[in-house]
Protein backbone atom coordinates (compact mmCIF):
# COMPACT_ATOMS: atom_id res chain seq x y z
CA MET A 1 13.39 -13.13 3.67
CA PRO A 2 10.30 -14.33 1.82
CA GLU A 3 8.04 -13.09 4.63
CA ILE A 4 8.86 -9.46 3.84
CA SER A 5 8.12 -9.81 0.13
CA GLN A 6 4.85 -11.62 0.88
CA VAL A 7 3.77 -8.89 3.28
CA SER A 8 4.68 -6.14 0.82
CA MET A 9 2.78 -7.91 -1.97
CA ILE A 10 -0.29 -8.34 0.25
CA THR A 11 -0.08 -4.69 1.29
CA HIS A 12 0.32 -3.62 -2.33
CA CYS A 13 -2.69 -5.67 -3.42
CA SER A 14 -4.87 -4.34 -0.60
CA LEU A 15 -3.85 -0.78 -1.45
CA LEU A 16 -4.82 -1.40 -5.07
CA ILE A 17 -8.17 -2.85 -3.97
CA ILE A 18 -8.83 0.17 -1.74
CA HIS A 19 -7.81 2.51 -4.57
CA VAL A 20 -10.20 0.81 -7.02
CA PHE A 21 -12.95 0.83 -4.38
CA VAL A 22 -12.48 4.57 -3.84
CA GLU A 23 -12.57 5.26 -7.58
CA GLN A 24 -15.68 3.11 -8.13
CA THR A 25 -17.70 4.35 -5.16
CA GLY A 26 -16.33 7.84 -4.61
CA ILE A 27 -16.06 7.04 -0.89
CA GLU A 28 -12.70 8.05 0.54
CA PRO A 29 -11.67 6.30 3.77
CA VAL A 30 -9.99 9.10 5.74
CA PRO A 31 -8.24 10.54 2.67
CA LEU A 32 -5.37 12.33 4.41
CA VAL A 33 -4.34 9.36 6.56
CA PHE A 34 -4.75 7.03 3.59
CA GLN A 35 -2.54 9.18 1.36
CA THR A 36 0.23 9.47 3.94
CA ASN A 37 0.10 5.70 4.50
CA VAL A 38 0.42 5.09 0.77
CA GLN A 39 3.34 7.52 0.55
CA ALA A 40 5.05 5.89 3.53
CA PHE A 41 4.50 2.45 1.98
CA TYR A 42 6.00 3.41 -1.37
CA THR A 43 8.97 5.16 0.23
CA THR A 44 9.80 2.09 2.36
CA LEU A 45 9.12 -0.43 -0.42
CA PRO A 46 12.56 -0.04 -2.10
CA ASP A 47 14.21 -0.58 1.30
CA LEU A 48 12.22 -3.78 1.81
CA ILE A 49 13.28 -5.04 -1.62
CA ASN A 50 16.93 -4.10 -1.07
CA ASN A 51 17.03 -5.88 2.29
CA GLU A 52 16.13 -9.25 0.77
């Protein structure tokens, strides 16, 4: 399923952009929620890859 890999790549890129933004500005967008979302994303990422 190419849709899944595209979505995961887009999500990964946006997470990187947010991460860089946070490091550059020092502004953290709801840090706790953000961190749990990142953790959830990286724990489900291998499953997305394996399903393809």
